[in-house]
Structures are given as structure tokens and as C-alpha cells.
Amino acid sequence: RRAGWDSAALWSSDGLGTYTIQPVDIADA
């Protein structure tokens, strides 16, 4: 979550060639 922002994001990967990225609830960030 960037300082001063009211949104957060999750980046995830198993390192096998792709990754996912999505917004997440700021309560979980």
C-alpha cells in the first residue's frame, strides 16, 4: 500500500513464468 493512498494491491507468483496482480482490501494490507 503506497503511503497516502487508500488502495492496496497483491502481487503473487510461483516463479514459473506468470504472476497475478489484483486489488485487495486495505484491511488485509
PDB file of all heavy atoms in Angstrom:
ATOM      1  N   ARG A   1       0.860  -1.186   0.000  1.00  0.00           N
ATOM      2  CA  ARG A   1       0.000   0.000   0.000  1.00  0.00           C
ATOM      3  C   ARG A   1       0.892   1.231   0.000  1.00  0.00           C
ATOM      4  O   ARG A   1       1.715   1.402   0.904  1.00  0.00           O
ATOM      5  CB  ARG A   1      -0.912   0.003   1.218  1.00  0.00           C
ATOM      6  CG  ARG A   1      -1.827   1.223   1.288  1.00  0.00           C
ATOM      7  CD  ARG A   1      -2.697   1.183   2.518  1.00  0.00           C
ATOM      8  NE  ARG A   1      -3.537   2.387   2.620  1.00  0.00           N
ATOM      9  CZ  ARG A   1      -4.328   2.650   3.655  1.00  0.00           C
ATOM     10  NH1 ARG A   1      -4.393   1.798   4.679  1.00  0.00           N
ATOM     11  NH2 ARG A   1      -5.048   3.756   3.673  1.00  0.00           N
ATOM     12  N   ARG A   2       0.739   2.049  -1.006  1.00  0.00           N
ATOM     13  CA  ARG A   2       1.586   3.238  -1.108  1.00  0.00           C
ATOM     14  C   ARG A   2       1.179   4.253  -0.057  1.00  0.00           C
ATOM     15  O   ARG A   2      -0.002   4.432   0.253  1.00  0.00           O
ATOM     16  CB  ARG A   2       1.473   3.871  -2.494  1.00  0.00           C
ATOM     17  CG  ARG A   2       2.733   4.677  -2.844  1.00  0.00           C
ATOM     18  CD  ARG A   2       2.694   5.295  -4.197  1.00  0.00           C
ATOM     19  NE  ARG A   2       4.020   5.578  -4.709  1.00  0.00           N
ATOM     20  CZ  ARG A   2       4.841   6.493  -4.205  1.00  0.00           C
ATOM     21  NH1 ARG A   2       4.482   7.211  -3.165  1.00  0.00           N
ATOM     22  NH2 ARG A   2       6.034   6.677  -4.747  1.00  0.00           N
ATOM     23  N   ALA A   3       2.178   4.920   0.524  1.00  0.00           N
ATOM     24  CA  ALA A   3       1.928   5.931   1.553  1.00  0.00           C
ATOM     25  C   ALA A   3       0.983   6.999   1.020  1.00  0.00           C
ATOM     26  O   ALA A   3       1.189   7.541  -0.069  1.00  0.00           O
ATOM     27  CB  ALA A   3       3.240   6.566   2.002  1.00  0.00           C
ATOM     28  N   GLY A   4      -0.086   7.295   1.788  1.00  0.00           N
ATOM     29  CA  GLY A   4      -1.038   8.323   1.396  1.00  0.00           C
ATOM     30  C   GLY A   4      -2.154   7.843   0.498  1.00  0.00           C
ATOM     31  O   GLY A   4      -3.050   8.616   0.158  1.00  0.00           O
ATOM     32  N   TRP A   5      -2.138   6.569   0.103  1.00  0.00           N
ATOM     33  CA  TRP A   5      -3.171   6.039  -0.787  1.00  0.00           C
ATOM     34  C   TRP A   5      -4.201   5.259   0.032  1.00  0.00           C
ATOM     35  O   TRP A   5      -3.881   4.694   1.085  1.00  0.00           O
ATOM     36  CB  TRP A   5      -2.565   5.120  -1.846  1.00  0.00           C
ATOM     37  CG  TRP A   5      -1.788   5.855  -2.908  1.00  0.00           C
ATOM     38  CD1 TRP A   5      -0.921   6.886  -2.721  1.00  0.00           C
ATOM     39  CD2 TRP A   5      -1.793   5.601  -4.307  1.00  0.00           C
ATOM     40  NE1 TRP A   5      -0.380   7.299  -3.912  1.00  0.00           N
ATOM     41  CE2 TRP A   5      -0.905   6.523  -4.912  1.00  0.00           C
ATOM     42  CE3 TRP A   5      -2.459   4.693  -5.117  1.00  0.00           C
ATOM     43  CZ2 TRP A   5      -0.679   6.554  -6.279  1.00  0.00           C
ATOM     44  CZ3 TRP A   5      -2.221   4.715  -6.487  1.00  0.00           C
ATOM     45  CH2 TRP A   5      -1.349   5.645  -7.055  1.00  0.00           C
ATOM     46  N   ASP A   6      -5.425   5.168  -0.485  1.00  0.00           N
ATOM     47  CA  ASP A   6      -6.464   4.404   0.187  1.00  0.00           C
ATOM     48  C   ASP A   6      -6.781   3.125  -0.580  1.00  0.00           C
ATOM     49  O   ASP A   6      -7.895   2.593  -0.524  1.00  0.00           O
ATOM     50  CB  ASP A   6      -7.737   5.238   0.371  1.00  0.00           C
ATOM     51  CG  ASP A   6      -8.310   5.705  -0.960  1.00  0.00           C
ATOM     52  OD1 ASP A   6      -7.694   5.397  -2.004  1.00  0.00           O
ATOM     53  OD2 ASP A   6      -9.366   6.363  -0.948  1.00  0.00           O
ATOM     54  N   SER A   7      -5.790   2.618  -1.316  1.00  0.00           N
ATOM     55  CA  SER A   7      -5.937   1.351  -2.031  1.00  0.00           C
ATOM     56  C   SER A   7      -4.664   0.541  -1.862  1.00  0.00           C
ATOM     57  O   SER A   7      -3.592   1.076  -1.570  1.00  0.00           O
ATOM     58  CB  SER A   7      -6.213   1.588  -3.518  1.00  0.00           C
ATOM     59  OG  SER A   7      -5.138   2.285  -4.122  1.00  0.00           O
ATOM     60  N   ALA A   8      -4.803  -0.777  -2.027  1.00  0.00           N
ATOM     61  CA  ALA A   8      -3.669  -1.686  -1.894  1.00  0.00           C
ATOM     62  C   ALA A   8      -3.755  -2.746  -2.978  1.00  0.00           C
ATOM     63  O   ALA A   8      -4.810  -2.931  -3.607  1.00  0.00           O
ATOM     64  CB  ALA A   8      -3.646  -2.329  -0.505  1.00  0.00           C
ATOM     65  N   ALA A   9      -2.667  -3.469  -3.197  1.00  0.00           N
ATOM     66  CA  ALA A   9      -2.629  -4.481  -4.252  1.00  0.00           C
ATOM     67  C   ALA A   9      -1.804  -5.675  -3.804  1.00  0.00           C
ATOM     68  O   ALA A   9      -0.913  -5.563  -2.942  1.00  0.00           O
ATOM     69  CB  ALA A   9      -2.065  -3.897  -5.545  1.00  0.00           C
ATOM     70  N   LEU A  10      -2.124  -6.829  -4.396  1.00  0.00           N
ATOM     71  CA  LEU A  10      -1.414  -8.075  -4.107  1.00  0.00           C
ATOM     72  C   LEU A  10      -0.794  -8.603  -5.389  1.00  0.00           C
ATOM     73  O   LEU A  10      -1.488  -8.793  -6.400  1.00  0.00           O
ATOM     74  CB  LEU A  10      -2.381  -9.110  -3.529  1.00  0.00           C
ATOM     75  CG  LEU A  10      -1.857 -10.556  -3.441  1.00  0.00           C
ATOM     76  CD1 LEU A  10      -0.701 -10.641  -2.443  1.00  0.00           C
ATOM     77  CD2 LEU A  10      -2.990 -11.510  -3.045  1.00  0.00           C
ATOM     78  N   TRP A  11       0.511  -8.844  -5.343  1.00  0.00           N
ATOM     79  CA  TRP A  11       1.257  -9.471  -6.439  1.00  0.00           C
ATOM     80  C   TRP A  11       1.607 -10.880  -5.975  1.00  0.00           C
ATOM     81  O   TRP A  11       2.068 -11.064  -4.844  1.00  0.00           O
ATOM     82  CB  TRP A  11       2.516  -8.664  -6.719  1.00  0.00           C
ATOM     83  CG  TRP A  11       3.435  -9.162  -7.803  1.00  0.00           C
ATOM     84  CD1 TRP A  11       3.501  -8.720  -9.083  1.00  0.00           C
ATOM     85  CD2 TRP A  11       4.448 -10.181  -7.697  1.00  0.00           C
ATOM     86  NE1 TRP A  11       4.484  -9.378  -9.789  1.00  0.00           N
ATOM     87  CE2 TRP A  11       5.082 -10.294  -8.950  1.00  0.00           C
ATOM     88  CE3 TRP A  11       4.871 -11.018  -6.656  1.00  0.00           C
ATOM     89  CZ2 TRP A  11       6.105 -11.194  -9.199  1.00  0.00           C
ATOM     90  CZ3 TRP A  11       5.891 -11.929  -6.900  1.00  0.00           C
ATOM     91  CH2 TRP A  11       6.499 -12.003  -8.163  1.00  0.00           C
ATOM     92  N   SER A  12       1.425 -11.880  -6.820  1.00  0.00           N
ATOM     93  CA  SER A  12       1.710 -13.255  -6.401  1.00  0.00           C
ATOM     94  C   SER A  12       2.262 -14.057  -7.570  1.00  0.00           C
ATOM     95  O   SER A  12       1.830 -13.886  -8.718  1.00  0.00           O
ATOM     96  CB  SER A  12       0.432 -13.926  -5.878  1.00  0.00           C
ATOM     97  OG  SER A  12       0.702 -15.239  -5.417  1.00  0.00           O
ATOM     98  N   SER A  13       3.237 -14.915  -7.269  1.00  0.00           N
ATOM     99  CA  SER A  13       3.814 -15.750  -8.325  1.00  0.00           C
ATOM    100  C   SER A  13       4.457 -16.998  -7.724  1.00  0.00           C
ATOM    101  O   SER A  13       4.947 -16.990  -6.589  1.00  0.00           O
ATOM    102  CB  SER A  13       4.868 -14.977  -9.121  1.00  0.00           C
ATOM    103  OG  SER A  13       5.472 -15.799 -10.110  1.00  0.00           O
ATOM    104  N   ASP A  14       4.427 -18.087  -8.512  1.00  0.00           N
ATOM    105  CA  ASP A  14       5.158 -19.299  -8.131  1.00  0.00           C
ATOM    106  C   ASP A  14       6.502 -19.367  -8.842  1.00  0.00           C
ATOM    107  O   ASP A  14       7.227 -20.351  -8.726  1.00  0.00           O
ATOM    108  CB  ASP A  14       4.332 -20.552  -8.438  1.00  0.00           C
ATOM    109  CG  ASP A  14       3.932 -20.649  -9.912  1.00  0.00           C
ATOM    110  OD1 ASP A  14       4.423 -19.834 -10.721  1.00  0.00           O
ATOM    111  OD2 ASP A  14       3.131 -21.537 -10.256  1.00  0.00           O
ATOM    112  N   GLY A  15       6.830 -18.314  -9.594  1.00  0.00           N
ATOM    113  CA  GLY A  15       8.126 -18.255 -10.250  1.00  0.00           C
ATOM    114  C   GLY A  15       8.241 -19.119 -11.476  1.00  0.00           C
ATOM    115  O   GLY A  15       9.345 -19.373 -11.968  1.00  0.00           O
ATOM    116  N   LEU A  16       7.103 -19.561 -12.026  1.00  0.00           N
ATOM    117  CA  LEU A  16       7.147 -20.479 -13.166  1.00  0.00           C
ATOM    118  C   LEU A  16       6.769 -19.811 -14.485  1.00  0.00           C
ATOM    119  O   LEU A  16       6.404 -20.486 -15.431  1.00  0.00           O
ATOM    120  CB  LEU A  16       6.226 -21.675 -12.900  1.00  0.00           C
ATOM    121  CG  LEU A  16       6.611 -22.533 -11.689  1.00  0.00           C
ATOM    122  CD1 LEU A  16       5.627 -23.679 -11.509  1.00  0.00           C
ATOM    123  CD2 LEU A  16       8.036 -23.076 -11.843  1.00  0.00           C
ATOM    124  N   GLY A  17       6.824 -18.480 -14.534  1.00  0.00           N
ATOM    125  CA  GLY A  17       6.607 -17.804 -15.807  1.00  0.00           C
ATOM    126  C   GLY A  17       5.503 -16.771 -15.797  1.00  0.00           C
ATOM    127  O   GLY A  17       5.447 -15.919 -16.684  1.00  0.00           O
ATOM    128  N   THR A  18       4.565 -16.837 -14.843  1.00  0.00           N
ATOM    129  CA  THR A  18       3.492 -15.864 -14.784  1.00  0.00           C
ATOM    130  C   THR A  18       3.328 -15.353 -13.363  1.00  0.00           C
ATOM    131  O   THR A  18       3.841 -15.936 -12.405  1.00  0.00           O
ATOM    132  CB  THR A  18       2.147 -16.468 -15.247  1.00  0.00           C
ATOM    133  OG1 THR A  18       1.798 -17.538 -14.353  1.00  0.00           O
ATOM    134  CG2 THR A  18       2.251 -16.987 -16.675  1.00  0.00           C
ATOM    135  N   TYR A  19       2.610 -14.248 -13.244  1.00  0.00           N
ATOM    136  CA  TYR A  19       2.251 -13.716 -11.928  1.00  0.00           C
ATOM    137  C   TYR A  19       0.850 -13.152 -12.001  1.00  0.00           C
ATOM    138  O   TYR A  19       0.336 -12.846 -13.093  1.00  0.00           O
ATOM    139  CB  TYR A  19       3.248 -12.641 -11.480  1.00  0.00           C
ATOM    140  CG  TYR A  19       3.293 -11.411 -12.354  1.00  0.00           C
ATOM    141  CD1 TYR A  19       2.518 -10.289 -12.056  1.00  0.00           C
ATOM    142  CD2 TYR A  19       4.124 -11.349 -13.472  1.00  0.00           C
ATOM    143  CE1 TYR A  19       2.567  -9.147 -12.851  1.00  0.00           C
ATOM    144  CE2 TYR A  19       4.183 -10.214 -14.272  1.00  0.00           C
ATOM    145  CZ  TYR A  19       3.402  -9.126 -13.956  1.00  0.00           C
ATOM    146  OH  TYR A  19       3.441  -7.995 -14.734  1.00  0.00           O
ATOM    147  N   THR A  20       0.214 -13.038 -10.861  1.00  0.00           N
ATOM    148  CA  THR A  20      -1.105 -12.408 -10.795  1.00  0.00           C
ATOM    149  C   THR A  20      -0.988 -11.132  -9.992  1.00  0.00           C
ATOM    150  O   THR A  20      -0.118 -10.998  -9.123  1.00  0.00           O
ATOM    151  CB  THR A  20      -2.145 -13.333 -10.132  1.00  0.00           C
ATOM    152  OG1 THR A  20      -1.743 -13.594  -8.778  1.00  0.00           O
ATOM    153  CG2 THR A  20      -2.270 -14.641 -10.894  1.00  0.00           C
ATOM    154  N   ILE A  21      -1.884 -10.209 -10.282  1.00  0.00           N
ATOM    155  CA  ILE A  21      -1.910  -8.959  -9.539  1.00  0.00           C
ATOM    156  C   ILE A  21      -3.364  -8.506  -9.433  1.00  0.00           C
ATOM    157  O   ILE A  21      -4.132  -8.621 -10.397  1.00  0.00           O
ATOM    158  CB  ILE A  21      -1.018  -7.892 -10.215  1.00  0.00           C
ATOM    159  CG1 ILE A  21      -0.823  -6.694  -9.306  1.00  0.00           C
ATOM    160  CG2 ILE A  21      -1.540  -7.503 -11.570  1.00  0.00           C
ATOM    161  CD1 ILE A  21       0.328  -5.792  -9.722  1.00  0.00           C
ATOM    162  N   GLN A  22      -3.752  -8.045  -8.254  1.00  0.00           N
ATOM    163  CA  GLN A  22      -5.142  -7.671  -8.040  1.00  0.00           C
ATOM    164  C   GLN A  22      -5.245  -6.694  -6.868  1.00  0.00           C
ATOM    165  O   GLN A  22      -4.363  -6.669  -5.991  1.00  0.00           O
ATOM    166  CB  GLN A  22      -5.983  -8.909  -7.733  1.00  0.00           C
ATOM    167  CG  GLN A  22      -5.618  -9.564  -6.412  1.00  0.00           C
ATOM    168  CD  GLN A  22      -6.366 -10.842  -6.159  1.00  0.00           C
ATOM    169  OE1 GLN A  22      -5.822 -11.922  -6.410  1.00  0.00           O
ATOM    170  NE2 GLN A  22      -7.586 -10.739  -5.674  1.00  0.00           N
ATOM    171  N   PRO A  23      -6.284  -5.885  -6.835  1.00  0.00           N
ATOM    172  CA  PRO A  23      -6.514  -5.028  -5.673  1.00  0.00           C
ATOM    173  C   PRO A  23      -6.906  -5.893  -4.470  1.00  0.00           C
ATOM    174  O   PRO A  23      -7.462  -6.987  -4.633  1.00  0.00           O
ATOM    175  CB  PRO A  23      -7.682  -4.140  -6.109  1.00  0.00           C
ATOM    176  CG  PRO A  23      -7.781  -4.303  -7.588  1.00  0.00           C
ATOM    177  CD  PRO A  23      -7.278  -5.668  -7.897  1.00  0.00           C
ATOM    178  N   VAL A  24      -6.599  -5.433  -3.269  1.00  0.00           N
ATOM    179  CA  VAL A  24      -7.009  -6.128  -2.049  1.00  0.00           C
ATOM    180  C   VAL A  24      -7.593  -5.118  -1.077  1.00  0.00           C
ATOM    181  O   VAL A  24      -7.327  -3.908  -1.161  1.00  0.00           O
ATOM    182  CB  VAL A  24      -5.835  -6.876  -1.375  1.00  0.00           C
ATOM    183  CG1 VAL A  24      -5.339  -8.005  -2.242  1.00  0.00           C
ATOM    184  CG2 VAL A  24      -4.696  -5.918  -1.038  1.00  0.00           C
ATOM    185  N   ASP A  25      -8.376  -5.628  -0.159  1.00  0.00           N
ATOM    186  CA  ASP A  25      -8.943  -4.784   0.892  1.00  0.00           C
ATOM    187  C   ASP A  25      -7.799  -4.204   1.715  1.00  0.00           C
ATOM    188  O   ASP A  25      -6.876  -4.923   2.100  1.00  0.00           O
ATOM    189  CB  ASP A  25      -9.852  -5.639   1.778  1.00  0.00           C
ATOM    190  CG  ASP A  25     -10.746  -4.792   2.661  1.00  0.00           C
ATOM    191  OD1 ASP A  25     -10.215  -3.846   3.288  1.00  0.00           O
ATOM    192  OD2 ASP A  25     -11.951  -5.081   2.718  1.00  0.00           O
ATOM    193  N   ILE A  26      -7.853  -2.914   1.981  1.00  0.00           N
ATOM    194  CA  ILE A  26      -6.747  -2.305   2.736  1.00  0.00           C
ATOM    195  C   ILE A  26      -6.671  -2.846   4.156  1.00  0.00           C
ATOM    196  O   ILE A  26      -5.638  -2.727   4.818  1.00  0.00           O
ATOM    197  CB  ILE A  26      -6.845  -0.766   2.750  1.00  0.00           C
ATOM    198  CG1 ILE A  26      -8.151  -0.306   3.382  1.00  0.00           C
ATOM    199  CG2 ILE A  26      -6.675  -0.204   1.358  1.00  0.00           C
ATOM    200  CD1 ILE A  26      -8.215   1.209   3.563  1.00  0.00           C
ATOM    201  N   ALA A  27      -7.744  -3.485   4.617  1.00  0.00           N
ATOM    202  CA  ALA A  27      -7.697  -4.114   5.934  1.00  0.00           C
ATOM    203  C   ALA A  27      -6.757  -5.311   5.938  1.00  0.00           C
ATOM    204  O   ALA A  27      -6.264  -5.731   6.992  1.00  0.00           O
ATOM    205  CB  ALA A  27      -9.100  -4.545   6.356  1.00  0.00           C
ATOM    206  N   ASP A  28      -6.518  -5.885   4.762  1.00  0.00           N
ATOM    207  CA  ASP A  28      -5.624  -7.043   4.647  1.00  0.00           C
ATOM    208  C   ASP A  28      -4.216  -6.643   4.209  1.00  0.00           C
ATOM    209  O   ASP A  28      -3.385  -7.515   3.912  1.00  0.00           O
ATOM    210  CB  ASP A  28      -6.196  -8.030   3.624  1.00  0.00           C
ATOM    211  CG  ASP A  28      -7.547  -8.572   4.042  1.00  0.00           C
ATOM    212  OD1 ASP A  28      -7.738  -8.775   5.262  1.00  0.00           O
ATOM    213  OD2 ASP A  28      -8.407  -8.767   3.162  1.00  0.00           O
ATOM    214  N   ALA A  29      -3.966  -5.353   4.148  1.00  0.00           N
ATOM    215  CA  ALA A  29      -2.666  -4.848   3.698  1.00  0.00           C
ATOM    216  C   ALA A  29      -1.992  -4.091   4.841  1.00  0.00           C
ATOM    217  O   ALA A  29      -2.637  -3.733   5.835  1.00  0.00           O
ATOM    218  CB  ALA A  29      -2.859  -3.924   2.496  1.00  0.00           C
TER     219      ALA A  29
END
